[in-house]
PDB file of all heavy atoms in Angstrom:
ATOM      1  N   GLY A   1       0.671  -7.740   7.799  1.00  0.00           N
ATOM      2  CA  GLY A   1       0.058  -8.980   7.349  1.00  0.00           C
ATOM      3  C   GLY A   1      -0.959  -8.812   6.248  1.00  0.00           C
ATOM      4  O   GLY A   1      -1.335  -9.794   5.587  1.00  0.00           O
ATOM      5  N   ARG A   2      -1.431  -7.572   6.016  1.00  0.00           N
ATOM      6  CA  ARG A   2      -2.457  -7.341   5.005  1.00  0.00           C
ATOM      7  C   ARG A   2      -1.852  -7.367   3.598  1.00  0.00           C
ATOM      8  O   ARG A   2      -0.751  -6.915   3.356  1.00  0.00           O
ATOM      9  CB  ARG A   2      -3.133  -5.988   5.238  1.00  0.00           C
ATOM     10  CG  ARG A   2      -3.895  -5.882   6.548  1.00  0.00           C
ATOM     11  CD  ARG A   2      -5.176  -6.692   6.499  1.00  0.00           C
ATOM     12  NE  ARG A   2      -6.070  -6.200   5.457  1.00  0.00           N
ATOM     13  CZ  ARG A   2      -6.909  -5.188   5.636  1.00  0.00           C
ATOM     14  NH1 ARG A   2      -6.992  -4.572   6.807  1.00  0.00           N
ATOM     15  NH2 ARG A   2      -7.700  -4.817   4.651  1.00  0.00           N
ATOM     16  N   GLU A   3      -2.629  -7.917   2.672  1.00  0.00           N
ATOM     17  CA  GLU A   3      -2.252  -7.907   1.260  1.00  0.00           C
ATOM     18  C   GLU A   3      -2.722  -6.592   0.643  1.00  0.00           C
ATOM     19  O   GLU A   3      -3.754  -6.037   1.034  1.00  0.00           O
ATOM     20  CB  GLU A   3      -2.878  -9.088   0.530  1.00  0.00           C
ATOM     21  CG  GLU A   3      -2.486 -10.452   1.078  1.00  0.00           C
ATOM     22  CD  GLU A   3      -1.026 -10.784   0.829  1.00  0.00           C
ATOM     23  OE1 GLU A   3      -0.456 -10.238  -0.139  1.00  0.00           O
ATOM     24  OE2 GLU A   3      -0.460 -11.581   1.605  1.00  0.00           O
ATOM     25  N   ALA A   4      -1.973  -6.113  -0.349  1.00  0.00           N
ATOM     26  CA  ALA A   4      -2.324  -4.828  -0.959  1.00  0.00           C
ATOM     27  C   ALA A   4      -1.764  -4.750  -2.371  1.00  0.00           C
ATOM     28  O   ALA A   4      -1.008  -5.621  -2.810  1.00  0.00           O
ATOM     29  CB  ALA A   4      -1.792  -3.676  -0.104  1.00  0.00           C
ATOM     30  N   THR A   5      -2.160  -3.687  -3.055  1.00  0.00           N
ATOM     31  CA  THR A   5      -1.679  -3.421  -4.411  1.00  0.00           C
ATOM     32  C   THR A   5      -1.089  -2.018  -4.444  1.00  0.00           C
ATOM     33  O   THR A   5      -1.699  -1.066  -3.930  1.00  0.00           O
ATOM     34  CB  THR A   5      -2.826  -3.510  -5.439  1.00  0.00           C
ATOM     35  OG1 THR A   5      -3.427  -4.813  -5.358  1.00  0.00           O
ATOM     36  CG2 THR A   5      -2.309  -3.286  -6.849  1.00  0.00           C
ATOM     37  N   VAL A   6       0.085  -1.887  -5.042  1.00  0.00           N
ATOM     38  CA  VAL A   6       0.733  -0.574  -5.126  1.00  0.00           C
ATOM     39  C   VAL A   6      -0.079   0.335  -6.037  1.00  0.00           C
ATOM     40  O   VAL A   6      -0.425  -0.037  -7.172  1.00  0.00           O
ATOM     41  CB  VAL A   6       2.175  -0.702  -5.672  1.00  0.00           C
ATOM     42  CG1 VAL A   6       2.783   0.677  -5.896  1.00  0.00           C
ATOM     43  CG2 VAL A   6       3.024  -1.515  -4.706  1.00  0.00           C
ATOM     44  N   ALA A   7      -0.396   1.540  -5.531  1.00  0.00           N
ATOM     45  CA  ALA A   7      -1.130   2.527  -6.319  1.00  0.00           C
ATOM     46  C   ALA A   7      -0.170   3.540  -6.934  1.00  0.00           C
ATOM     47  O   ALA A   7      -0.189   3.760  -8.149  1.00  0.00           O
ATOM     48  CB  ALA A   7      -2.167   3.232  -5.452  1.00  0.00           C
ATOM     49  N   ALA A   8       0.668   4.142  -6.104  1.00  0.00           N
ATOM     50  CA  ALA A   8       1.600   5.149  -6.607  1.00  0.00           C
ATOM     51  C   ALA A   8       2.601   5.527  -5.521  1.00  0.00           C
ATOM     52  O   ALA A   8       2.355   5.326  -4.327  1.00  0.00           O
ATOM     53  CB  ALA A   8       0.842   6.389  -7.078  1.00  0.00           C
ATOM     54  N   TRP A   9       3.723   6.052  -5.951  1.00  0.00           N
ATOM     55  CA  TRP A   9       4.715   6.603  -5.009  1.00  0.00           C
ATOM     56  C   TRP A   9       4.341   8.039  -4.699  1.00  0.00           C
ATOM     57  O   TRP A   9       4.037   8.813  -5.596  1.00  0.00           O
ATOM     58  CB  TRP A   9       6.114   6.549  -5.614  1.00  0.00           C
ATOM     59  CG  TRP A   9       6.745   5.179  -5.528  1.00  0.00           C
ATOM     60  CD1 TRP A   9       6.414   4.077  -6.248  1.00  0.00           C
ATOM     61  CD2 TRP A   9       7.810   4.803  -4.663  1.00  0.00           C
ATOM     62  NE1 TRP A   9       7.199   3.014  -5.881  1.00  0.00           N
ATOM     63  CE2 TRP A   9       8.071   3.422  -4.909  1.00  0.00           C
ATOM     64  CE3 TRP A   9       8.571   5.465  -3.699  1.00  0.00           C
ATOM     65  CZ2 TRP A   9       9.054   2.720  -4.230  1.00  0.00           C
ATOM     66  CZ3 TRP A   9       9.559   4.765  -3.024  1.00  0.00           C
ATOM     67  CH2 TRP A   9       9.797   3.404  -3.274  1.00  0.00           C
ATOM     68  N   GLN A  10       4.393   8.394  -3.407  1.00  0.00           N
ATOM     69  CA  GLN A  10       4.070   9.757  -2.999  1.00  0.00           C
ATOM     70  C   GLN A  10       5.309  10.651  -3.069  1.00  0.00           C
ATOM     71  O   GLN A  10       5.209  11.816  -3.399  1.00  0.00           O
ATOM     72  CB  GLN A  10       3.515   9.766  -1.578  1.00  0.00           C
ATOM     73  CG  GLN A  10       2.246   8.935  -1.416  1.00  0.00           C
ATOM     74  CD  GLN A  10       1.085   9.480  -2.227  1.00  0.00           C
ATOM     75  OE1 GLN A  10       0.923   9.137  -3.394  1.00  0.00           O
ATOM     76  NE2 GLN A  10       0.290  10.338  -1.625  1.00  0.00           N
ATOM     77  N   ASP A  11       6.451  10.105  -2.703  1.00  0.00           N
ATOM     78  CA  ASP A  11       7.730  10.805  -2.829  1.00  0.00           C
ATOM     79  C   ASP A  11       8.813   9.732  -2.797  1.00  0.00           C
ATOM     80  O   ASP A  11       8.556   8.577  -3.143  1.00  0.00           O
ATOM     81  CB  ASP A  11       7.926  11.858  -1.731  1.00  0.00           C
ATOM     82  CG  ASP A  11       7.762  11.282  -0.334  1.00  0.00           C
ATOM     83  OD1 ASP A  11       8.008  10.079  -0.141  1.00  0.00           O
ATOM     84  OD2 ASP A  11       7.384  12.044   0.579  1.00  0.00           O
ATOM     85  N   GLU A  12      10.025  10.082  -2.365  1.00  0.00           N
ATOM     86  CA  GLU A  12      11.108   9.106  -2.368  1.00  0.00           C
ATOM     87  C   GLU A  12      10.967   8.055  -1.275  1.00  0.00           C
ATOM     88  O   GLU A  12      11.599   7.003  -1.352  1.00  0.00           O
ATOM     89  CB  GLU A  12      12.461   9.820  -2.199  1.00  0.00           C
ATOM     90  CG  GLU A  12      12.859  10.656  -3.397  1.00  0.00           C
ATOM     91  CD  GLU A  12      14.238  11.262  -3.226  1.00  0.00           C
ATOM     92  OE1 GLU A  12      14.801  11.127  -2.121  1.00  0.00           O
ATOM     93  OE2 GLU A  12      14.742  11.871  -4.173  1.00  0.00           O
ATOM     94  N   ASP A  13      10.162   8.334  -0.255  1.00  0.00           N
ATOM     95  CA  ASP A  13      10.090   7.440   0.897  1.00  0.00           C
ATOM     96  C   ASP A  13       8.754   6.720   1.073  1.00  0.00           C
ATOM     97  O   ASP A  13       8.707   5.643   1.679  1.00  0.00           O
ATOM     98  CB  ASP A  13      10.400   8.214   2.190  1.00  0.00           C
ATOM     99  CG  ASP A  13      11.821   8.736   2.214  1.00  0.00           C
ATOM    100  OD1 ASP A  13      12.715   7.997   1.778  1.00  0.00           O
ATOM    101  OD2 ASP A  13      12.026   9.878   2.669  1.00  0.00           O
ATOM    102  N   PHE A  14       7.667   7.300   0.596  1.00  0.00           N
ATOM    103  CA  PHE A  14       6.348   6.760   0.906  1.00  0.00           C
ATOM    104  C   PHE A  14       5.625   6.248  -0.354  1.00  0.00           C
ATOM    105  O   PHE A  14       5.752   6.821  -1.442  1.00  0.00           O
ATOM    106  CB  PHE A  14       5.481   7.819   1.591  1.00  0.00           C
ATOM    107  CG  PHE A  14       5.942   8.137   2.986  1.00  0.00           C
ATOM    108  CD1 PHE A  14       6.903   9.122   3.203  1.00  0.00           C
ATOM    109  CD2 PHE A  14       5.444   7.438   4.077  1.00  0.00           C
ATOM    110  CE1 PHE A  14       7.345   9.407   4.493  1.00  0.00           C
ATOM    111  CE2 PHE A  14       5.870   7.721   5.354  1.00  0.00           C
ATOM    112  CZ  PHE A  14       6.835   8.698   5.570  1.00  0.00           C
ATOM    113  N   VAL A  15       4.868   5.158  -0.122  1.00  0.00           N
ATOM    114  CA  VAL A  15       4.123   4.522  -1.208  1.00  0.00           C
ATOM    115  C   VAL A  15       2.655   4.413  -0.807  1.00  0.00           C
ATOM    116  O   VAL A  15       2.337   4.007   0.314  1.00  0.00           O
ATOM    117  CB  VAL A  15       4.681   3.100  -1.493  1.00  0.00           C
ATOM    118  CG1 VAL A  15       3.937   2.479  -2.673  1.00  0.00           C
ATOM    119  CG2 VAL A  15       6.170   3.153  -1.766  1.00  0.00           C
ATOM    120  N   LYS A  16       1.768   4.742  -1.720  1.00  0.00           N
ATOM    121  CA  LYS A  16       0.330   4.590  -1.492  1.00  0.00           C
ATOM    122  C   LYS A  16      -0.091   3.225  -2.019  1.00  0.00           C
ATOM    123  O   LYS A  16       0.194   2.875  -3.178  1.00  0.00           O
ATOM    124  CB  LYS A  16      -0.437   5.692  -2.207  1.00  0.00           C
ATOM    125  CG  LYS A  16      -1.944   5.640  -1.967  1.00  0.00           C
ATOM    126  CD  LYS A  16      -2.638   6.789  -2.683  1.00  0.00           C
ATOM    127  CE  LYS A  16      -4.140   6.766  -2.440  1.00  0.00           C
ATOM    128  NZ  LYS A  16      -4.827   7.872  -3.134  1.00  0.00           N
ATOM    129  N   VAL A  17      -0.771   2.439  -1.168  1.00  0.00           N
ATOM    130  CA  VAL A  17      -1.229   1.113  -1.568  1.00  0.00           C
ATOM    131  C   VAL A  17      -2.712   0.969  -1.256  1.00  0.00           C
ATOM    132  O   VAL A  17      -3.236   1.649  -0.368  1.00  0.00           O
ATOM    133  CB  VAL A  17      -0.434  -0.009  -0.843  1.00  0.00           C
ATOM    134  CG1 VAL A  17       1.044   0.063  -1.191  1.00  0.00           C
ATOM    135  CG2 VAL A  17      -0.630   0.076   0.675  1.00  0.00           C
ATOM    136  N   VAL A  18      -3.366   0.073  -1.993  1.00  0.00           N
ATOM    137  CA  VAL A  18      -4.793  -0.209  -1.778  1.00  0.00           C
ATOM    138  C   VAL A  18      -4.893  -1.577  -1.115  1.00  0.00           C
ATOM    139  O   VAL A  18      -4.410  -2.587  -1.654  1.00  0.00           O
ATOM    140  CB  VAL A  18      -5.556  -0.200  -3.107  1.00  0.00           C
ATOM    141  CG1 VAL A  18      -7.031  -0.547  -2.878  1.00  0.00           C
ATOM    142  CG2 VAL A  18      -5.427   1.155  -3.795  1.00  0.00           C
ATOM    143  N   LEU A  19      -5.521  -1.609   0.055  1.00  0.00           N
ATOM    144  CA  LEU A  19      -5.654  -2.851   0.811  1.00  0.00           C
ATOM    145  C   LEU A  19      -6.699  -3.762   0.178  1.00  0.00           C
ATOM    146  O   LEU A  19      -7.692  -3.299  -0.379  1.00  0.00           O
ATOM    147  CB  LEU A  19      -6.041  -2.535   2.258  1.00  0.00           C
ATOM    148  CG  LEU A  19      -5.055  -1.672   3.050  1.00  0.00           C
ATOM    149  CD1 LEU A  19      -5.642  -1.360   4.415  1.00  0.00           C
ATOM    150  CD2 LEU A  19      -3.715  -2.371   3.192  1.00  0.00           C
ATOM    151  N   LYS A  20      -6.448  -5.061   0.299  1.00  0.00           N
ATOM    152  CA  LYS A  20      -7.383  -6.057  -0.230  1.00  0.00           C
ATOM    153  C   LYS A  20      -8.292  -6.585   0.880  1.00  0.00           C
ATOM    154  O   LYS A  20      -8.023  -6.406   2.060  1.00  0.00           O
ATOM    155  CB  LYS A  20      -6.612  -7.225  -0.845  1.00  0.00           C
ATOM    156  CG  LYS A  20      -5.807  -6.852  -2.083  1.00  0.00           C
ATOM    157  CD  LYS A  20      -5.134  -8.099  -2.651  1.00  0.00           C
ATOM    158  CE  LYS A  20      -4.381  -7.759  -3.922  1.00  0.00           C
ATOM    159  NZ  LYS A  20      -3.727  -8.964  -4.502  1.00  0.00           N
ATOM    160  N   GLY A  21      -9.376  -7.277   0.442  1.00  0.00           N
ATOM    161  CA  GLY A  21     -10.245  -7.979   1.387  1.00  0.00           C
ATOM    162  C   GLY A  21     -11.275  -7.105   2.046  1.00  0.00           C
ATOM    163  O   GLY A  21     -11.784  -7.441   3.111  1.00  0.00           O
ATOM    164  N   LEU A  22     -11.598  -5.973   1.466  1.00  0.00           N
ATOM    165  CA  LEU A  22     -12.596  -5.081   2.060  1.00  0.00           C
ATOM    166  C   LEU A  22     -13.753  -4.872   1.090  1.00  0.00           C
ATOM    167  O   LEU A  22     -13.602  -4.995  -0.134  1.00  0.00           O
ATOM    168  CB  LEU A  22     -11.959  -3.730   2.405  1.00  0.00           C
ATOM    169  CG  LEU A  22     -10.818  -3.761   3.444  1.00  0.00           C
ATOM    170  CD1 LEU A  22     -10.206  -2.384   3.547  1.00  0.00           C
ATOM    171  CD2 LEU A  22     -11.359  -4.207   4.789  1.00  0.00           C
ATOM    172  N   GLN A  23     -14.921  -4.537   1.668  1.00  0.00           N
ATOM    173  CA  GLN A  23     -16.069  -4.243   0.827  1.00  0.00           C
ATOM    174  C   GLN A  23     -15.781  -3.009  -0.018  1.00  0.00           C
ATOM    175  O   GLN A  23     -16.090  -2.968  -1.199  1.00  0.00           O
ATOM    176  CB  GLN A  23     -17.309  -4.010   1.706  1.00  0.00           C
ATOM    177  CG  GLN A  23     -17.783  -5.239   2.464  1.00  0.00           C
ATOM    178  CD  GLN A  23     -18.339  -6.303   1.530  1.00  0.00           C
ATOM    179  OE1 GLN A  23     -18.759  -6.012   0.410  1.00  0.00           O
ATOM    180  NE2 GLN A  23     -18.333  -7.549   1.994  1.00  0.00           N
ATOM    181  N   GLU A  24     -15.212  -1.985   0.629  1.00  0.00           N
ATOM    182  CA  GLU A  24     -14.855  -0.761  -0.073  1.00  0.00           C
ATOM    183  C   GLU A  24     -13.335  -0.628  -0.052  1.00  0.00           C
ATOM    184  O   GLU A  24     -12.689  -0.935   0.946  1.00  0.00           O
ATOM    185  CB  GLU A  24     -15.488   0.461   0.584  1.00  0.00           C
ATOM    186  CG  GLU A  24     -17.014   0.445   0.544  1.00  0.00           C
ATOM    187  CD  GLU A  24     -17.605   1.686   1.174  1.00  0.00           C
ATOM    188  OE1 GLU A  24     -16.818   2.560   1.609  1.00  0.00           O
ATOM    189  OE2 GLU A  24     -18.836   1.787   1.248  1.00  0.00           O
ATOM    190  N   ALA A  25     -12.789  -0.173  -1.145  1.00  0.00           N
ATOM    191  CA  ALA A  25     -11.330  -0.040  -1.246  1.00  0.00           C
ATOM    192  C   ALA A  25     -10.823   0.945  -0.196  1.00  0.00           C
ATOM    193  O   ALA A  25     -11.391   2.030  -0.017  1.00  0.00           O
ATOM    194  CB  ALA A  25     -10.952   0.418  -2.641  1.00  0.00           C
ATOM    195  N   GLU A  26      -9.766   0.544   0.484  1.00  0.00           N
ATOM    196  CA  GLU A  26      -9.132   1.414   1.487  1.00  0.00           C
ATOM    197  C   GLU A  26      -7.664   1.568   1.136  1.00  0.00           C
ATOM    198  O   GLU A  26      -6.968   0.580   0.886  1.00  0.00           O
ATOM    199  CB  GLU A  26      -9.263   0.824   2.891  1.00  0.00           C
ATOM    200  CG  GLU A  26      -8.586   1.678   3.955  1.00  0.00           C
ATOM    201  CD  GLU A  26      -8.605   1.009   5.316  1.00  0.00           C
ATOM    202  OE1 GLU A  26      -9.146  -0.102   5.436  1.00  0.00           O
ATOM    203  OE2 GLU A  26      -8.044   1.613   6.258  1.00  0.00           O
ATOM    204  N   SER A  27      -7.211   2.785   1.072  1.00  0.00           N
ATOM    205  CA  SER A  27      -5.811   3.029   0.733  1.00  0.00           C
ATOM    206  C   SER A  27      -5.071   3.620   1.933  1.00  0.00           C
ATOM    207  O   SER A  27      -5.659   4.352   2.732  1.00  0.00           O
ATOM    208  CB  SER A  27      -5.708   3.982  -0.469  1.00  0.00           C
ATOM    209  OG  SER A  27      -6.263   5.254  -0.142  1.00  0.00           O
ATOM    210  N   VAL A  28      -3.790   3.275   2.035  1.00  0.00           N
ATOM    211  CA  VAL A  28      -2.922   3.820   3.084  1.00  0.00           C
ATOM    212  C   VAL A  28      -1.592   4.191   2.451  1.00  0.00           C
ATOM    213  O   VAL A  28      -1.209   3.650   1.403  1.00  0.00           O
ATOM    214  CB  VAL A  28      -2.697   2.805   4.229  1.00  0.00           C
ATOM    215  CG1 VAL A  28      -3.978   2.508   4.963  1.00  0.00           C
ATOM    216  CG2 VAL A  28      -2.061   1.529   3.706  1.00  0.00           C
ATOM    217  N   THR A  29      -0.919   5.115   3.084  1.00  0.00           N
ATOM    218  CA  THR A  29       0.408   5.522   2.622  1.00  0.00           C
ATOM    219  C   THR A  29       1.418   5.142   3.691  1.00  0.00           C
ATOM    220  O   THR A  29       1.280   5.532   4.849  1.00  0.00           O
ATOM    221  CB  THR A  29       0.462   7.040   2.357  1.00  0.00           C
ATOM    222  OG1 THR A  29      -0.513   7.373   1.358  1.00  0.00           O
ATOM    223  CG2 THR A  29       1.836   7.456   1.877  1.00  0.00           C
ATOM    224  N   VAL A  30       2.414   4.373   3.284  1.00  0.00           N
ATOM    225  CA  VAL A  30       3.388   3.834   4.236  1.00  0.00           C
ATOM    226  C   VAL A  30       4.794   3.991   3.675  1.00  0.00           C
ATOM    227  O   VAL A  30       4.977   4.130   2.459  1.00  0.00           O
ATOM    228  CB  VAL A  30       3.114   2.346   4.534  1.00  0.00           C
ATOM    229  CG1 VAL A  30       1.766   2.164   5.207  1.00  0.00           C
ATOM    230  CG2 VAL A  30       3.196   1.521   3.247  1.00  0.00           C
ATOM    231  N   PRO A  31       5.835   3.947   4.552  1.00  0.00           N
ATOM    232  CA  PRO A  31       7.215   3.942   4.062  1.00  0.00           C
ATOM    233  C   PRO A  31       7.470   2.697   3.217  1.00  0.00           C
ATOM    234  O   PRO A  31       6.874   1.636   3.468  1.00  0.00           O
ATOM    235  CB  PRO A  31       8.049   3.918   5.352  1.00  0.00           C
ATOM    236  CG  PRO A  31       7.143   4.460   6.398  1.00  0.00           C
ATOM    237  CD  PRO A  31       5.770   4.004   6.025  1.00  0.00           C
ATOM    238  N   PHE A  32       8.308   2.808   2.215  1.00  0.00           N
ATOM    239  CA  PHE A  32       8.516   1.665   1.319  1.00  0.00           C
ATOM    240  C   PHE A  32       9.100   0.460   2.043  1.00  0.00           C
ATOM    241  O   PHE A  32       8.932  -0.680   1.611  1.00  0.00           O
ATOM    242  CB  PHE A  32       9.392   2.053   0.116  1.00  0.00           C
ATOM    243  CG  PHE A  32      10.811   2.419   0.443  1.00  0.00           C
ATOM    244  CD1 PHE A  32      11.769   1.444   0.664  1.00  0.00           C
ATOM    245  CD2 PHE A  32      11.208   3.751   0.490  1.00  0.00           C
ATOM    246  CE1 PHE A  32      13.091   1.778   0.934  1.00  0.00           C
ATOM    247  CE2 PHE A  32      12.525   4.093   0.760  1.00  0.00           C
ATOM    248  CZ  PHE A  32      13.471   3.103   0.991  1.00  0.00           C
ATOM    249  N   GLU A  33       9.775   0.686   3.220  1.00  0.00           N
ATOM    250  CA  GLU A  33      10.310  -0.444   3.980  1.00  0.00           C
ATOM    251  C   GLU A  33       9.212  -1.318   4.574  1.00  0.00           C
ATOM    252  O   GLU A  33       9.460  -2.450   4.978  1.00  0.00           O
ATOM    253  CB  GLU A  33      11.210   0.052   5.122  1.00  0.00           C
ATOM    254  CG  GLU A  33      12.468   0.765   4.685  1.00  0.00           C
ATOM    255  CD  GLU A  33      12.285   2.267   4.682  1.00  0.00           C
ATOM    256  OE1 GLU A  33      11.119   2.716   4.599  1.00  0.00           O
ATOM    257  OE2 GLU A  33      13.295   2.982   4.778  1.00  0.00           O
ATOM    258  N   PHE A  34       7.982  -0.790   4.639  1.00  0.00           N
ATOM    259  CA  PHE A  34       6.859  -1.536   5.209  1.00  0.00           C
ATOM    260  C   PHE A  34       6.325  -2.586   4.256  1.00  0.00           C
ATOM    261  O   PHE A  34       5.486  -3.401   4.630  1.00  0.00           O
ATOM    262  CB  PHE A  34       5.726  -0.582   5.582  1.00  0.00           C
ATOM    263  CG  PHE A  34       5.924   0.152   6.871  1.00  0.00           C
ATOM    264  CD1 PHE A  34       7.190   0.479   7.320  1.00  0.00           C
ATOM    265  CD2 PHE A  34       4.840   0.516   7.670  1.00  0.00           C
ATOM    266  CE1 PHE A  34       7.379   1.165   8.512  1.00  0.00           C
ATOM    267  CE2 PHE A  34       5.009   1.200   8.862  1.00  0.00           C
ATOM    268  CZ  PHE A  34       6.287   1.522   9.292  1.00  0.00           C
ATOM    269  N   LEU A  35       6.792  -2.564   3.006  1.00  0.00           N
ATOM    270  CA  LEU A  35       6.205  -3.415   1.979  1.00  0.00           C
ATOM    271  C   LEU A  35       7.160  -4.505   1.520  1.00  0.00           C
ATOM    272  O   LEU A  35       8.379  -4.319   1.470  1.00  0.00           O
ATOM    273  CB  LEU A  35       5.801  -2.559   0.774  1.00  0.00           C
ATOM    274  CG  LEU A  35       4.849  -1.409   1.057  1.00  0.00           C
ATOM    275  CD1 LEU A  35       4.630  -0.592  -0.199  1.00  0.00           C
ATOM    276  CD2 LEU A  35       3.515  -1.925   1.601  1.00  0.00           C
ATOM    277  N   LYS A  36       6.557  -5.653   1.186  1.00  0.00           N
ATOM    278  CA  LYS A  36       7.321  -6.770   0.643  1.00  0.00           C
ATOM    279  C   LYS A  36       6.537  -7.342  -0.523  1.00  0.00           C
ATOM    280  O   LYS A  36       5.324  -7.553  -0.432  1.00  0.00           O
ATOM    281  CB  LYS A  36       7.531  -7.846   1.722  1.00  0.00           C
ATOM    282  CG  LYS A  36       8.510  -8.937   1.332  1.00  0.00           C
ATOM    283  CD  LYS A  36       8.774  -9.850   2.515  1.00  0.00           C
ATOM    284  CE  LYS A  36       9.835 -10.874   2.183  1.00  0.00           C
ATOM    285  NZ  LYS A  36      10.124 -11.747   3.360  1.00  0.00           N
ATOM    286  N   THR A  37       7.228  -7.583  -1.637  1.00  0.00           N
ATOM    287  CA  THR A  37       6.530  -8.105  -2.810  1.00  0.00           C
ATOM    288  C   THR A  37       5.999  -9.496  -2.532  1.00  0.00           C
ATOM    289  O   THR A  37       6.632 -10.285  -1.827  1.00  0.00           O
ATOM    290  CB  THR A  37       7.474  -8.133  -4.012  1.00  0.00           C
ATOM    291  OG1 THR A  37       8.638  -8.907  -3.688  1.00  0.00           O
ATOM    292  CG2 THR A  37       7.899  -6.730  -4.400  1.00  0.00           C
ATOM    293  N   SER A  38       4.863  -9.786  -3.092  1.00  0.00           N
ATOM    294  CA  SER A  38       4.204 -11.058  -2.824  1.00  0.00           C
ATOM    295  C   SER A  38       5.029 -12.252  -3.281  1.00  0.00           C
ATOM    296  O   SER A  38       5.048 -13.311  -2.637  1.00  0.00           O
ATOM    297  CB  SER A  38       2.839 -11.103  -3.521  1.00  0.00           C
ATOM    298  OG  SER A  38       1.976 -10.151  -2.933  1.00  0.00           O
TER     299      SER A  38
END
């Protein structure tokens, strides 16, 4: 449910994204299937 911005691809399967709505930027790396374009 969280909104985010794509930062970079880590490999063929995982993408690093920066989560929105926080005081400090928080990034997570997830499988590309976890993401849906806005």
